[in-house]
Amino acid sequence: MFEYIKVLTSFSVDDVSKARRFYGETLDMKVSEESGALLLHLSGGNETLIYPKPDHIPASYTILNFVVAEIDRAVDQLVGRGVRFLRYDEFGADDKGIVRGPDRDIAWFSDPAGNIHSVGQLKTPLPM
């Protein structure tokens, strides 16, 4: 088996400058630019590479799941920063777009390139 020292996840966007503003300013995340791409510096020392792709097609699935302590507060803060939440009424979303379930509450939004992300509050701990 090969040996590795780190795992780096990645996804594409159609406009790196819009992505830098969204992740760095709107979501208030630590972002650095490297060789025309972005690095999101996530909790726990993890990073995600965001790279430009001229023929970018948005992911049709959730790329990043942000676990939060209080989903209502997180959704309200993001809405206040201009984030629009996606509505999945078939899952029973409430007025804020939050789907409330027995093990977690979750709400989805997209970045300027159309990639889907979520904020979620867990009701049981993640298995480690």
Protein backbone atom coordinates (compact mmCIF):
# COMPACT_ATOMS: atom_id res chain seq x y z
CA MET A 1 0.00 0.00 0.00
CA PHE A 2 1.23 3.50 -0.72
CA GLU A 3 2.06 5.81 2.13
CA TYR A 4 0.60 9.28 2.35
CA ILE A 5 1.12 12.14 4.73
CA LYS A 6 -2.08 14.09 4.15
CA VAL A 7 -5.40 13.94 2.35
CA LEU A 8 -6.40 17.03 0.39
CA THR A 9 -9.96 17.25 -0.88
CA SER A 10 -10.74 19.49 -3.83
CA PHE A 11 -13.49 20.85 -6.03
CA SER A 12 -13.77 23.24 -8.95
CA VAL A 13 -15.32 26.66 -9.48
CA ASP A 14 -15.76 28.82 -12.55
CA ASP A 15 -14.42 32.02 -10.95
CA VAL A 16 -11.69 31.98 -8.29
CA SER A 17 -12.13 35.64 -7.33
CA LYS A 18 -15.86 35.13 -6.62
CA ALA A 19 -14.97 32.01 -4.63
CA ARG A 20 -12.34 33.93 -2.62
CA ARG A 21 -14.92 36.59 -1.69
CA PHE A 22 -17.58 34.03 -0.83
CA TYR A 23 -15.45 31.75 1.31
CA GLY A 24 -13.17 34.43 2.75
CA GLU A 25 -15.66 37.25 3.32
CA THR A 26 -19.20 35.84 3.29
CA LEU A 27 -18.36 32.64 5.19
CA ASP A 28 -15.45 34.29 7.05
CA MET A 29 -13.14 31.34 6.47
CA LYS A 30 -9.36 31.46 6.32
CA VAL A 31 -8.41 31.33 2.64
CA SER A 32 -5.07 31.55 0.88
CA GLU A 33 -4.26 31.72 -2.80
CA GLU A 34 -1.67 29.50 -4.39
CA SER A 35 -0.84 29.19 -8.11
CA GLY A 36 -4.24 30.50 -9.21
CA ALA A 37 -6.17 28.21 -6.87
CA LEU A 38 -7.50 28.68 -3.34
CA LEU A 39 -6.83 26.76 -0.17
CA LEU A 40 -9.57 26.70 2.46
CA HIS A 41 -8.00 26.24 5.86
CA LEU A 42 -10.49 24.18 7.85
CA SER A 43 -10.65 23.20 11.50
CA GLY A 44 -8.33 20.47 12.67
CA GLY A 45 -5.59 21.55 10.27
CA ASN A 46 -7.44 20.20 7.23
CA GLU A 47 -7.45 21.97 3.90
CA THR A 48 -9.55 21.88 0.76
CA LEU A 49 -8.27 22.98 -2.64
CA ILE A 50 -10.59 25.06 -4.81
CA TYR A 51 -9.35 25.19 -8.37
CA PRO A 52 -10.54 27.06 -11.46
CA LYS A 53 -12.12 25.05 -14.26
CA PRO A 54 -13.38 26.91 -17.35
CA ASP A 55 -15.98 24.23 -18.15
CA HIS A 56 -16.99 23.86 -14.49
CA ILE A 57 -20.19 21.97 -13.79
CA PRO A 58 -21.52 22.40 -10.22
CA ALA A 59 -21.55 19.30 -8.06
CA SER A 60 -25.04 17.83 -7.72
CA TYR A 61 -24.26 16.59 -4.22
CA THR A 62 -23.09 18.16 -0.96
CA ILE A 63 -19.36 18.90 -1.08
CA LEU A 64 -18.74 20.39 2.36
CA ASN A 65 -20.81 19.78 5.50
CA PHE A 66 -20.22 22.37 8.20
CA VAL A 67 -21.15 20.99 11.62
CA VAL A 68 -22.38 23.76 13.91
CA ALA A 69 -23.47 23.93 17.54
CA GLU A 70 -26.72 25.83 16.84
CA ILE A 71 -28.19 25.51 13.36
CA ASP A 72 -30.83 28.23 13.75
CA ARG A 73 -28.18 30.73 14.79
CA ALA A 74 -25.86 29.66 11.94
CA VAL A 75 -28.63 29.92 9.33
CA ASP A 76 -29.66 33.35 10.63
CA GLN A 77 -26.05 34.59 10.52
CA LEU A 78 -25.52 33.28 7.00
CA VAL A 79 -28.78 34.78 5.76
CA GLY A 80 -27.62 38.08 7.26
CA ARG A 81 -24.47 37.78 5.14
CA GLY A 82 -26.48 37.23 1.96
CA VAL A 83 -26.43 33.44 1.76
CA ARG A 84 -29.60 31.99 0.24
CA PHE A 85 -30.62 28.56 1.40
CA LEU A 86 -31.81 25.87 -0.98
CA ARG A 87 -35.32 24.55 -0.43
CA TYR A 88 -35.81 20.79 -0.37
CA ASP A 89 -39.47 20.72 0.54
CA GLU A 90 -39.68 16.99 -0.23
CA PHE A 91 -37.58 16.50 2.93
CA GLY A 92 -39.97 18.59 5.03
CA ALA A 93 -37.93 21.80 5.27
CA ASP A 94 -39.24 24.48 7.61
CA ASP A 95 -39.58 28.19 6.78
CA LYS A 96 -35.81 28.70 7.14
CA GLY A 97 -35.04 25.76 4.83
CA ILE A 98 -33.89 23.55 7.72
CA VAL A 99 -34.77 19.87 7.55
CA ARG A 100 -35.17 18.66 11.11
CA GLY A 101 -34.54 15.01 11.81
CA PRO A 102 -34.06 12.59 14.68
CA ASP A 103 -30.25 12.50 14.42
CA ARG A 104 -29.46 15.90 12.86
CA ASP A 105 -30.88 19.15 11.53
CA ILE A 106 -29.50 20.30 8.18
CA ALA A 107 -29.83 23.14 5.68
CA TRP A 108 -28.19 23.44 2.26
CA PHE A 109 -26.79 26.41 0.35
CA SER A 110 -24.61 26.86 -2.70
CA ASP A 111 -21.50 28.86 -3.47
CA PRO A 112 -21.37 31.32 -6.42
CA ALA A 113 -20.29 28.44 -8.72
CA GLY A 114 -23.37 26.40 -7.75
CA ASN A 115 -21.57 23.82 -5.59
CA ILE A 116 -23.75 22.58 -2.73
CA HIS A 117 -22.74 22.84 0.94
CA SER A 118 -24.62 22.35 4.19
CA VAL A 119 -24.72 23.46 7.78
CA GLY A 120 -25.87 20.85 10.21
CA GLN A 121 -26.38 20.32 13.90
CA LEU A 122 -25.82 16.78 15.12
CA LYS A 123 -28.00 15.36 17.85
CA THR A 124 -25.65 12.42 18.42
CA PRO A 125 -21.85 12.52 18.32
CA LEU A 126 -19.97 11.63 15.17
CA PRO A 127 -18.35 8.19 15.34
CA MET A 128 -14.58 8.49 15.55
